[in-house]
């Protein structure tokens, strides 16, 4: 094989090797530091979720839409309310998170929230990455936020793509449209 065919093979194979060899974390979108938190604030339905935590969701026949209310509390702080239907019924959590000085992430390690970050959003939907736990390894949760109680195919596909990048695709659950739990925290 002469130099020209070898160069052609390298040009064709090298990009493929780089893509195949890249880690899933490399494909993960990063939250931009310029996300407008005032536009992101407000009421959100939680339409789908994925998690590596055992027992995070109740049985299939008891699942309902979740909800979240995100508010800018002070400069560098968010107040986040979440409600989920758990095996014990609807449960709400309210927590104040502080912005990390170096990374585009909010946290409250005293309450077990190691990270709250928006990986993708156009302000009508949001893909939120939540890391919970006081000890390592923390559990990973991915939540699909939407201003409406339905979503588009493309938004759901983006959510599933991010689940694959985080290696959470086996724990993906699209929640049924029952919003009785979600409406418990309407502002």
N, C-alpha and C. Protein backbone atom coordinates (compact mmCIF):
# COMPACT_ATOMS: atom_id res chain seq x y z
N UNK A 1 0.86 -1.17 0.00
CA UNK A 1 0.00 0.00 0.00
C UNK A 1 0.90 1.22 0.00
N UNK A 2 0.71 2.10 -0.99
CA UNK A 2 1.51 3.30 -1.13
C UNK A 2 1.06 4.39 -0.16
N UNK A 3 1.76 5.53 -0.18
CA UNK A 3 1.44 6.60 0.76
C UNK A 3 0.06 7.23 0.53
N UNK A 4 -0.40 7.33 -0.75
CA UNK A 4 -1.71 7.96 -0.98
C UNK A 4 -2.85 7.12 -0.43
N UNK A 5 -2.93 5.82 -0.71
CA UNK A 5 -4.03 5.02 -0.15
C UNK A 5 -3.98 4.98 1.38
N UNK A 6 -2.79 4.92 1.96
CA UNK A 6 -2.68 4.92 3.42
C UNK A 6 -3.19 6.23 4.01
N UNK A 7 -2.86 7.34 3.37
CA UNK A 7 -3.35 8.64 3.84
C UNK A 7 -4.87 8.71 3.73
N UNK A 8 -5.43 8.16 2.66
CA UNK A 8 -6.88 8.16 2.48
C UNK A 8 -7.56 7.33 3.58
N UNK A 9 -6.98 6.16 3.88
CA UNK A 9 -7.53 5.32 4.95
C UNK A 9 -7.49 6.07 6.29
N UNK A 10 -6.38 6.74 6.58
CA UNK A 10 -6.27 7.50 7.83
C UNK A 10 -7.30 8.63 7.89
N UNK A 11 -7.51 9.31 6.78
CA UNK A 11 -8.49 10.41 6.74
C UNK A 11 -9.89 9.88 7.00
N UNK A 12 -10.21 8.69 6.50
CA UNK A 12 -11.54 8.12 6.68
C UNK A 12 -11.73 7.46 8.04
N UNK A 13 -10.72 6.81 8.56
CA UNK A 13 -10.84 6.03 9.79
C UNK A 13 -10.60 6.86 11.04
N UNK A 14 -9.71 7.83 11.01
CA UNK A 14 -9.36 8.59 12.21
C UNK A 14 -10.56 9.31 12.83
N UNK A 15 -11.40 10.03 12.06
CA UNK A 15 -12.57 10.66 12.69
C UNK A 15 -13.51 9.65 13.33
N UNK A 16 -13.69 8.48 12.68
CA UNK A 16 -14.54 7.45 13.25
C UNK A 16 -13.96 6.93 14.56
N UNK A 17 -12.67 6.74 14.61
CA UNK A 17 -12.02 6.26 15.84
C UNK A 17 -12.16 7.29 16.95
N UNK A 18 -12.09 8.57 16.62
CA UNK A 18 -12.25 9.60 17.64
C UNK A 18 -13.65 9.62 18.21
N UNK A 19 -14.67 9.44 17.36
CA UNK A 19 -16.05 9.42 17.82
C UNK A 19 -16.31 8.19 18.67
N UNK A 20 -15.88 7.02 18.19
CA UNK A 20 -16.10 5.78 18.92
C UNK A 20 -15.32 5.79 20.22
N UNK A 21 -14.14 6.36 20.23
CA UNK A 21 -13.31 6.35 21.42
C UNK A 21 -13.67 7.41 22.44
N UNK A 22 -14.56 8.37 22.10
CA UNK A 22 -14.89 9.42 23.05
C UNK A 22 -15.77 8.86 24.16
N UNK A 23 -15.61 9.39 25.33
CA UNK A 23 -16.37 8.97 26.49
C UNK A 23 -17.76 9.59 26.44
N UNK A 24 -18.78 8.94 27.04
CA UNK A 24 -20.12 9.52 27.06
C UNK A 24 -20.13 10.91 27.70
N UNK A 25 -19.32 11.16 28.70
CA UNK A 25 -19.29 12.46 29.34
C UNK A 25 -18.84 13.56 28.37
N UNK A 26 -18.03 13.19 27.36
CA UNK A 26 -17.58 14.16 26.38
C UNK A 26 -18.73 14.65 25.51
N UNK A 27 -19.76 13.81 25.33
CA UNK A 27 -20.89 14.16 24.49
C UNK A 27 -21.96 14.92 25.27
N UNK A 28 -21.82 15.03 26.56
CA UNK A 28 -22.80 15.67 27.42
C UNK A 28 -22.81 17.17 27.21
N UNK A 29 -23.98 17.77 26.93
CA UNK A 29 -24.00 19.22 26.77
C UNK A 29 -23.68 19.90 28.09
N UNK A 30 -23.09 21.04 28.01
CA UNK A 30 -22.72 21.80 29.19
C UNK A 30 -23.63 23.01 29.30
N UNK A 31 -24.05 23.29 30.51
CA UNK A 31 -24.85 24.49 30.73
C UNK A 31 -23.99 25.71 30.46
N UNK A 32 -24.57 26.65 29.75
CA UNK A 32 -23.80 27.86 29.50
C UNK A 32 -23.87 28.75 30.74
N UNK A 33 -22.83 29.49 30.95
CA UNK A 33 -22.79 30.40 32.09
C UNK A 33 -23.74 31.57 31.90
N UNK A 34 -24.28 31.73 30.70
CA UNK A 34 -25.15 32.87 30.45
C UNK A 34 -26.63 32.49 30.40
N UNK A 35 -27.02 31.38 31.03
CA UNK A 35 -28.43 31.02 31.12
C UNK A 35 -29.15 32.12 31.89
N UNK A 36 -30.26 32.60 31.36
CA UNK A 36 -31.02 33.65 32.02
C UNK A 36 -31.96 33.01 33.04
N UNK A 37 -31.56 33.06 34.30
CA UNK A 37 -32.32 32.40 35.36
C UNK A 37 -33.67 33.08 35.60
N UNK A 38 -33.79 34.35 35.29
CA UNK A 38 -35.10 35.00 35.42
C UNK A 38 -36.08 34.45 34.38
N UNK A 39 -35.60 34.15 33.17
CA UNK A 39 -36.46 33.53 32.15
C UNK A 39 -36.74 32.07 32.48
N UNK A 40 -35.77 31.39 33.11
CA UNK A 40 -35.94 29.98 33.45
C UNK A 40 -36.86 29.82 34.67
N UNK A 41 -36.95 30.82 35.51
CA UNK A 41 -37.76 30.75 36.72
C UNK A 41 -39.22 30.55 36.39
N UNK A 42 -39.92 29.92 37.33
CA UNK A 42 -41.36 29.73 37.19
C UNK A 42 -41.75 28.28 37.39
N UNK A 43 -42.99 27.98 37.00
CA UNK A 43 -43.55 26.64 37.18
C UNK A 43 -43.18 25.76 36.00
N UNK A 44 -42.81 24.53 36.31
CA UNK A 44 -42.45 23.53 35.30
C UNK A 44 -43.15 22.21 35.62
N UNK A 45 -43.66 21.53 34.60
CA UNK A 45 -44.07 20.13 34.75
C UNK A 45 -42.82 19.28 34.57
N UNK A 46 -42.76 18.16 35.26
CA UNK A 46 -41.70 17.17 35.05
C UNK A 46 -42.35 16.02 34.30
N UNK A 47 -42.02 15.92 33.00
CA UNK A 47 -42.67 14.97 32.11
C UNK A 47 -41.98 13.63 32.02
N UNK A 48 -40.68 13.62 32.25
CA UNK A 48 -39.92 12.38 32.15
C UNK A 48 -38.74 12.47 33.10
N UNK A 49 -38.24 11.34 33.50
CA UNK A 49 -37.07 11.31 34.37
C UNK A 49 -36.27 10.04 34.12
N UNK A 50 -35.04 10.11 34.50
CA UNK A 50 -34.16 8.96 34.44
C UNK A 50 -33.29 9.01 35.69
N UNK A 51 -32.97 7.86 36.23
CA UNK A 51 -32.19 7.83 37.46
C UNK A 51 -31.43 6.51 37.57
N UNK A 52 -30.32 6.57 38.28
CA UNK A 52 -29.61 5.34 38.59
C UNK A 52 -29.88 4.91 40.03
N UNK A 53 -30.82 5.58 40.71
CA UNK A 53 -31.18 5.24 42.09
C UNK A 53 -32.27 4.16 42.10
N UNK A 54 -32.08 3.15 42.91
CA UNK A 54 -33.07 2.09 43.05
C UNK A 54 -34.28 2.62 43.83
N UNK A 55 -35.48 2.28 43.37
CA UNK A 55 -36.70 2.64 44.08
C UNK A 55 -37.06 4.12 44.03
N UNK A 56 -36.52 4.85 43.06
CA UNK A 56 -36.80 6.28 42.97
C UNK A 56 -38.24 6.54 42.56
N UNK A 57 -38.79 5.69 41.70
CA UNK A 57 -40.16 5.87 41.23
C UNK A 57 -41.10 4.84 41.85
N UNK A 58 -42.37 5.21 42.04
CA UNK A 58 -43.34 4.22 42.51
C UNK A 58 -43.70 3.26 41.39
N UNK A 59 -44.54 2.29 41.69
CA UNK A 59 -44.99 1.33 40.69
C UNK A 59 -45.66 2.06 39.52
N UNK A 60 -45.66 1.42 38.35
CA UNK A 60 -46.18 2.03 37.13
C UNK A 60 -47.60 2.57 37.29
N UNK A 61 -48.46 1.85 37.96
CA UNK A 61 -49.85 2.28 38.07
C UNK A 61 -50.04 3.46 39.03
N UNK A 62 -49.00 3.87 39.75
CA UNK A 62 -49.09 4.98 40.71
C UNK A 62 -48.28 6.20 40.27
N UNK A 63 -47.73 6.20 39.07
CA UNK A 63 -46.90 7.31 38.61
C UNK A 63 -47.77 8.47 38.11
N UNK A 64 -47.30 9.68 38.38
CA UNK A 64 -47.97 10.90 37.96
C UNK A 64 -46.91 11.92 37.56
N UNK A 65 -47.34 12.96 36.86
CA UNK A 65 -46.41 14.04 36.52
C UNK A 65 -45.86 14.67 37.79
N UNK A 66 -44.60 15.04 37.75
CA UNK A 66 -44.01 15.81 38.83
C UNK A 66 -44.08 17.28 38.46
N UNK A 67 -43.58 18.12 39.34
CA UNK A 67 -43.56 19.55 39.05
C UNK A 67 -42.42 20.19 39.81
N UNK A 68 -42.05 21.38 39.35
CA UNK A 68 -41.01 22.16 40.01
C UNK A 68 -41.33 23.64 39.86
N UNK A 69 -40.99 24.38 40.88
CA UNK A 69 -41.04 25.84 40.80
C UNK A 69 -39.63 26.32 41.11
N UNK A 70 -39.04 27.03 40.17
CA UNK A 70 -37.68 27.54 40.31
C UNK A 70 -37.78 29.06 40.43
N UNK A 71 -37.13 29.61 41.45
CA UNK A 71 -37.14 31.06 41.66
C UNK A 71 -35.73 31.53 41.99
N UNK A 72 -35.37 32.70 41.45
CA UNK A 72 -34.12 33.34 41.86
C UNK A 72 -34.40 33.90 43.25
N UNK A 73 -33.64 33.44 44.23
CA UNK A 73 -33.88 33.84 45.62
C UNK A 73 -33.11 35.11 45.95
N UNK A 74 -31.84 35.09 45.73
CA UNK A 74 -30.92 36.23 45.87
C UNK A 74 -29.88 36.06 44.79
N UNK A 75 -29.01 37.02 44.66
CA UNK A 75 -27.93 36.89 43.69
C UNK A 75 -27.12 35.64 44.03
N UNK A 76 -27.01 34.74 43.08
CA UNK A 76 -26.23 33.51 43.29
C UNK A 76 -26.97 32.43 44.05
N UNK A 77 -28.30 32.59 44.24
CA UNK A 77 -29.08 31.58 44.94
C UNK A 77 -30.38 31.29 44.19
N UNK A 78 -30.77 30.03 44.21
CA UNK A 78 -32.05 29.59 43.66
C UNK A 78 -32.85 28.93 44.77
N UNK A 79 -34.14 29.14 44.75
CA UNK A 79 -35.04 28.37 45.61
C UNK A 79 -35.80 27.45 44.67
N UNK A 80 -35.70 26.16 44.92
CA UNK A 80 -36.30 25.15 44.06
C UNK A 80 -37.27 24.31 44.88
N UNK A 81 -38.50 24.23 44.39
CA UNK A 81 -39.50 23.34 44.97
C UNK A 81 -39.75 22.22 43.97
N UNK A 82 -39.74 21.01 44.45
CA UNK A 82 -40.00 19.84 43.60
C UNK A 82 -41.09 19.01 44.25
N UNK A 83 -41.97 18.46 43.45
CA UNK A 83 -42.94 17.50 43.96
C UNK A 83 -42.94 16.29 43.04
N UNK A 84 -42.94 15.13 43.66
CA UNK A 84 -42.95 13.86 42.95
C UNK A 84 -44.00 12.97 43.59
N UNK A 85 -44.56 12.08 42.80
CA UNK A 85 -45.41 11.05 43.36
C UNK A 85 -44.50 9.88 43.74
N UNK A 86 -44.41 9.62 45.00
CA UNK A 86 -43.58 8.52 45.52
C UNK A 86 -44.51 7.41 45.99
N UNK A 87 -43.95 6.33 46.48
CA UNK A 87 -44.78 5.22 46.95
C UNK A 87 -45.67 5.63 48.12
N UNK A 88 -45.27 6.68 48.87
CA UNK A 88 -46.07 7.18 49.99
C UNK A 88 -47.07 8.25 49.55
N UNK A 89 -47.13 8.57 48.26
CA UNK A 89 -48.01 9.62 47.75
C UNK A 89 -47.19 10.81 47.29
N UNK A 90 -47.86 11.94 47.06
CA UNK A 90 -47.18 13.15 46.60
C UNK A 90 -46.30 13.69 47.72
N UNK A 91 -45.05 13.94 47.38
CA UNK A 91 -44.12 14.51 48.35
C UNK A 91 -43.43 15.71 47.73
N UNK A 92 -43.36 16.79 48.51
CA UNK A 92 -42.74 18.03 48.04
C UNK A 92 -41.47 18.31 48.83
N UNK A 93 -40.52 18.92 48.16
CA UNK A 93 -39.25 19.30 48.75
C UNK A 93 -38.95 20.73 48.33
N UNK A 94 -38.50 21.56 49.25
CA UNK A 94 -38.10 22.93 48.94
C UNK A 94 -36.68 23.10 49.45
N UNK A 95 -35.83 23.65 48.61
CA UNK A 95 -34.42 23.79 48.98
C UNK A 95 -33.85 25.06 48.36
N UNK A 96 -32.96 25.70 49.08
CA UNK A 96 -32.22 26.85 48.56
C UNK A 96 -30.85 26.37 48.14
N UNK A 97 -30.47 26.69 46.91
CA UNK A 97 -29.20 26.26 46.34
C UNK A 97 -28.32 27.46 46.08
N UNK A 98 -27.02 27.29 46.28
CA UNK A 98 -26.05 28.36 46.05
C UNK A 98 -25.22 28.04 44.82
N UNK A 99 -24.93 29.08 44.05
CA UNK A 99 -24.13 28.95 42.83
C UNK A 99 -22.68 28.64 43.19
N UNK A 100 -22.11 27.66 42.50
CA UNK A 100 -20.70 27.37 42.64
C UNK A 100 -19.93 28.51 41.99
N UNK A 101 -18.83 28.91 42.58
CA UNK A 101 -18.07 30.05 42.05
C UNK A 101 -17.33 29.75 40.76
N UNK A 102 -16.99 28.48 40.54
CA UNK A 102 -16.19 28.13 39.37
C UNK A 102 -16.98 27.41 38.28
N UNK A 103 -18.05 26.73 38.64
CA UNK A 103 -18.78 25.92 37.67
C UNK A 103 -20.22 26.43 37.54
N UNK A 104 -20.84 26.10 36.41
CA UNK A 104 -22.24 26.47 36.17
C UNK A 104 -23.15 25.45 36.83
N UNK A 105 -23.12 25.41 38.16
CA UNK A 105 -23.91 24.45 38.93
C UNK A 105 -24.32 25.10 40.24
N UNK A 106 -25.49 24.72 40.73
CA UNK A 106 -25.96 25.15 42.05
C UNK A 106 -25.93 23.93 42.96
N UNK A 107 -25.67 24.17 44.26
CA UNK A 107 -25.62 23.04 45.19
C UNK A 107 -25.98 23.45 46.61
N UNK A 108 -26.29 22.46 47.41
CA UNK A 108 -26.50 22.61 48.84
C UNK A 108 -26.09 21.28 49.45
N UNK A 109 -24.81 21.13 49.72
CA UNK A 109 -24.28 19.84 50.16
C UNK A 109 -24.78 19.46 51.55
N UNK A 110 -25.17 20.45 52.36
CA UNK A 110 -25.72 20.12 53.68
C UNK A 110 -27.04 19.38 53.57
N UNK A 111 -27.79 19.68 52.54
CA UNK A 111 -29.08 19.02 52.31
C UNK A 111 -28.97 17.86 51.32
N UNK A 112 -27.76 17.54 50.88
CA UNK A 112 -27.55 16.38 50.01
C UNK A 112 -27.67 16.65 48.52
N UNK A 113 -27.71 17.92 48.12
CA UNK A 113 -27.78 18.25 46.69
C UNK A 113 -26.38 18.64 46.24
N UNK A 114 -25.72 17.73 45.53
CA UNK A 114 -24.37 17.99 45.07
C UNK A 114 -24.35 18.79 43.77
N UNK A 115 -25.47 18.78 43.06
CA UNK A 115 -25.49 19.55 41.83
C UNK A 115 -26.89 19.67 41.24
N UNK A 116 -27.22 20.86 40.80
CA UNK A 116 -28.45 21.16 40.07
C UNK A 116 -28.02 22.02 38.90
N UNK A 117 -28.16 21.50 37.69
CA UNK A 117 -27.75 22.28 36.53
C UNK A 117 -28.65 22.00 35.34
N UNK A 118 -28.81 23.00 34.54
CA UNK A 118 -29.61 22.89 33.34
C UNK A 118 -28.67 22.57 32.18
N UNK A 119 -28.89 21.43 31.55
CA UNK A 119 -28.01 21.00 30.46
C UNK A 119 -28.49 21.50 29.11
N UNK A 120 -29.79 21.70 28.98
CA UNK A 120 -30.34 22.19 27.72
C UNK A 120 -31.66 22.90 28.02
N UNK A 121 -31.91 24.01 27.34
CA UNK A 121 -33.17 24.72 27.52
C UNK A 121 -33.36 25.76 26.43
N UNK A 122 -34.61 25.94 26.04
CA UNK A 122 -34.99 27.09 25.22
C UNK A 122 -36.05 27.89 25.97
N UNK A 123 -36.18 27.65 27.26
CA UNK A 123 -37.10 28.30 28.19
C UNK A 123 -38.53 27.81 28.05
N UNK A 124 -38.83 26.94 27.08
CA UNK A 124 -40.13 26.27 27.04
C UNK A 124 -39.96 24.83 27.53
N UNK A 125 -38.73 24.35 27.52
CA UNK A 125 -38.39 23.05 28.09
C UNK A 125 -37.02 23.20 28.74
N UNK A 126 -36.68 22.25 29.59
CA UNK A 126 -35.36 22.23 30.20
C UNK A 126 -34.98 20.80 30.56
N UNK A 127 -33.74 20.45 30.36
CA UNK A 127 -33.22 19.16 30.80
C UNK A 127 -32.33 19.47 31.99
N UNK A 128 -32.74 19.00 33.17
CA UNK A 128 -32.08 19.33 34.42
C UNK A 128 -31.37 18.09 34.95
N UNK A 129 -30.10 18.27 35.27
CA UNK A 129 -29.27 17.20 35.84
C UNK A 129 -29.17 17.45 37.33
N UNK A 130 -29.55 16.46 38.10
CA UNK A 130 -29.57 16.56 39.55
C UNK A 130 -28.73 15.44 40.14
N UNK A 131 -27.75 15.81 40.96
CA UNK A 131 -26.92 14.82 41.66
C UNK A 131 -27.25 14.91 43.14
N UNK A 132 -27.68 13.79 43.71
CA UNK A 132 -28.10 13.76 45.11
C UNK A 132 -27.26 12.78 45.90
N UNK A 133 -27.05 13.10 47.16
CA UNK A 133 -26.34 12.20 48.06
C UNK A 133 -25.32 12.94 48.88
N UNK A 134 -25.15 12.48 50.08
CA UNK A 134 -24.16 13.10 50.98
C UNK A 134 -22.82 12.40 50.90
N UNK A 135 -22.83 11.18 50.41
CA UNK A 135 -21.58 10.42 50.29
C UNK A 135 -21.42 9.99 48.83
N UNK A 136 -20.24 9.62 48.46
CA UNK A 136 -19.96 9.16 47.10
C UNK A 136 -20.32 7.69 47.00
N UNK A 137 -20.76 7.16 45.91
CA UNK A 137 -21.13 7.89 44.72
C UNK A 137 -22.53 8.47 44.85
N UNK A 138 -22.71 9.65 44.36
CA UNK A 138 -24.01 10.31 44.37
C UNK A 138 -24.91 9.68 43.31
N UNK A 139 -26.21 9.75 43.54
CA UNK A 139 -27.14 9.25 42.53
C UNK A 139 -27.35 10.33 41.48
N UNK A 140 -27.55 9.89 40.25
CA UNK A 140 -27.75 10.80 39.13
C UNK A 140 -29.22 10.75 38.72
N UNK A 141 -29.78 11.94 38.50
CA UNK A 141 -31.17 12.05 38.07
C UNK A 141 -31.22 13.05 36.93
N UNK A 142 -31.96 12.73 35.92
CA UNK A 142 -32.17 13.65 34.81
C UNK A 142 -33.67 13.89 34.70
N UNK A 143 -34.07 15.16 34.66
CA UNK A 143 -35.48 15.52 34.65
C UNK A 143 -35.79 16.32 33.40
N UNK A 144 -36.90 16.02 32.75
CA UNK A 144 -37.35 16.79 31.59
C UNK A 144 -38.43 17.75 32.07
N UNK A 145 -38.09 19.03 32.11
CA UNK A 145 -39.00 20.09 32.51
C UNK A 145 -39.72 20.61 31.26
N UNK A 146 -40.99 20.98 31.42
CA UNK A 146 -41.74 21.60 30.33
C UNK A 146 -42.75 22.57 30.91
N UNK A 147 -42.99 23.66 30.21
CA UNK A 147 -44.01 24.62 30.64
C UNK A 147 -45.41 24.06 30.42
N UNK A 148 -45.54 23.12 29.49
CA UNK A 148 -46.82 22.47 29.19
C UNK A 148 -46.78 21.03 29.70
N UNK A 149 -47.95 20.40 29.83
CA UNK A 149 -47.95 19.01 30.32
C UNK A 149 -47.75 17.99 29.20
N UNK A 150 -47.28 18.46 28.04
CA UNK A 150 -46.89 17.58 26.94
C UNK A 150 -45.57 18.10 26.37
N UNK A 151 -44.96 17.30 25.52
CA UNK A 151 -43.69 17.73 24.92
C UNK A 151 -43.63 17.27 23.47
N UNK A 152 -42.71 17.82 22.74
CA UNK A 152 -42.54 17.43 21.34
C UNK A 152 -41.63 16.20 21.25
N UNK A 153 -41.69 15.55 20.11
CA UNK A 153 -40.83 14.40 19.86
C UNK A 153 -39.36 14.80 19.91
N UNK A 154 -39.01 15.95 19.32
CA UNK A 154 -37.61 16.39 19.29
C UNK A 154 -37.07 16.68 20.70
N UNK A 155 -37.90 17.26 21.55
CA UNK A 155 -37.48 17.53 22.93
C UNK A 155 -37.26 16.22 23.68
N UNK A 156 -38.17 15.28 23.51
CA UNK A 156 -38.02 13.98 24.15
C UNK A 156 -36.79 13.25 23.63
N UNK A 157 -36.52 13.37 22.34
CA UNK A 157 -35.32 12.74 21.76
C UNK A 157 -34.06 13.36 22.35
N UNK A 158 -34.04 14.69 22.51
CA UNK A 158 -32.89 15.35 23.11
C UNK A 158 -32.67 14.84 24.54
N UNK A 159 -33.77 14.69 25.28
CA UNK A 159 -33.70 14.17 26.65
C UNK A 159 -33.10 12.76 26.66
N UNK A 160 -33.56 11.90 25.77
CA UNK A 160 -33.06 10.52 25.72
C UNK A 160 -31.60 10.50 25.28
N UNK A 161 -31.21 11.37 24.35
CA UNK A 161 -29.80 11.45 23.95
C UNK A 161 -28.91 11.82 25.14
N UNK A 162 -29.36 12.76 25.96
CA UNK A 162 -28.59 13.15 27.14
C UNK A 162 -28.56 12.00 28.15
N UNK A 163 -29.68 11.27 28.27
CA UNK A 163 -29.71 10.09 29.14
C UNK A 163 -28.64 9.08 28.72
N UNK A 164 -28.51 8.87 27.41
CA UNK A 164 -27.50 7.95 26.91
C UNK A 164 -26.10 8.45 27.23
N UNK A 165 -25.86 9.74 27.09
CA UNK A 165 -24.54 10.30 27.39
C UNK A 165 -24.21 10.14 28.87
N UNK A 166 -25.21 10.19 29.74
CA UNK A 166 -25.00 10.01 31.18
C UNK A 166 -25.10 8.55 31.62
N UNK A 167 -25.35 7.67 30.65
CA UNK A 167 -25.51 6.24 30.91
C UNK A 167 -26.70 5.98 31.83
N UNK A 168 -27.81 6.68 31.58
CA UNK A 168 -29.04 6.51 32.34
C UNK A 168 -30.19 5.97 31.49
N UNK A 169 -29.92 5.55 30.26
CA UNK A 169 -30.99 5.16 29.36
C UNK A 169 -31.81 3.99 29.87
N UNK A 170 -31.26 3.13 30.72
CA UNK A 170 -32.04 2.00 31.22
C UNK A 170 -33.05 2.44 32.28
N UNK A 171 -32.89 3.63 32.82
CA UNK A 171 -33.81 4.10 33.85
C UNK A 171 -34.75 5.20 33.39
N UNK A 172 -34.96 5.34 32.07
CA UNK A 172 -35.82 6.40 31.54
C UNK A 172 -37.28 6.05 31.75
N UNK A 173 -38.04 7.02 32.25
CA UNK A 173 -39.48 6.85 32.45
C UNK A 173 -40.19 8.10 31.98
N UNK A 174 -41.13 7.92 31.06
CA UNK A 174 -42.01 9.01 30.65
C UNK A 174 -43.23 8.91 31.54
N UNK A 175 -43.55 10.00 32.23
CA UNK A 175 -44.63 9.96 33.21
C UNK A 175 -45.99 10.15 32.54
N UNK A 176 -47.04 9.50 33.07
CA UNK A 176 -48.38 9.68 32.51
C UNK A 176 -48.88 11.10 32.75
N UNK A 177 -49.93 11.50 32.04
CA UNK A 177 -50.40 12.89 32.06
C UNK A 177 -51.20 13.26 33.30
N UNK A 178 -51.33 12.41 34.29
CA UNK A 178 -52.07 12.74 35.52
C UNK A 178 -51.29 13.81 36.27
N UNK A 179 -51.83 15.03 36.32
CA UNK A 179 -51.13 16.16 36.92
C UNK A 179 -51.62 16.48 38.33
N UNK A 180 -52.33 15.56 38.98
CA UNK A 180 -52.86 15.85 40.31
C UNK A 180 -51.76 16.11 41.33
N UNK A 181 -50.66 15.45 41.19
CA UNK A 181 -49.51 15.70 42.09
C UNK A 181 -48.82 17.02 41.73
N UNK A 182 -48.65 17.27 40.44
CA UNK A 182 -47.97 18.47 39.99
C UNK A 182 -48.71 19.74 40.43
N UNK A 183 -50.02 19.68 40.46
CA UNK A 183 -50.81 20.87 40.80
C UNK A 183 -50.78 21.20 42.28
N UNK A 184 -50.16 20.36 43.09
CA UNK A 184 -50.09 20.67 44.53
C UNK A 184 -49.12 21.80 44.83
N UNK A 185 -48.22 22.16 43.89
CA UNK A 185 -47.29 23.26 44.15
C UNK A 185 -47.44 24.42 43.17
N UNK A 186 -48.58 24.50 42.52
CA UNK A 186 -48.80 25.64 41.63
C UNK A 186 -48.64 26.94 42.41
N UNK A 187 -47.94 27.91 41.81
CA UNK A 187 -47.73 29.18 42.52
C UNK A 187 -49.03 29.98 42.66
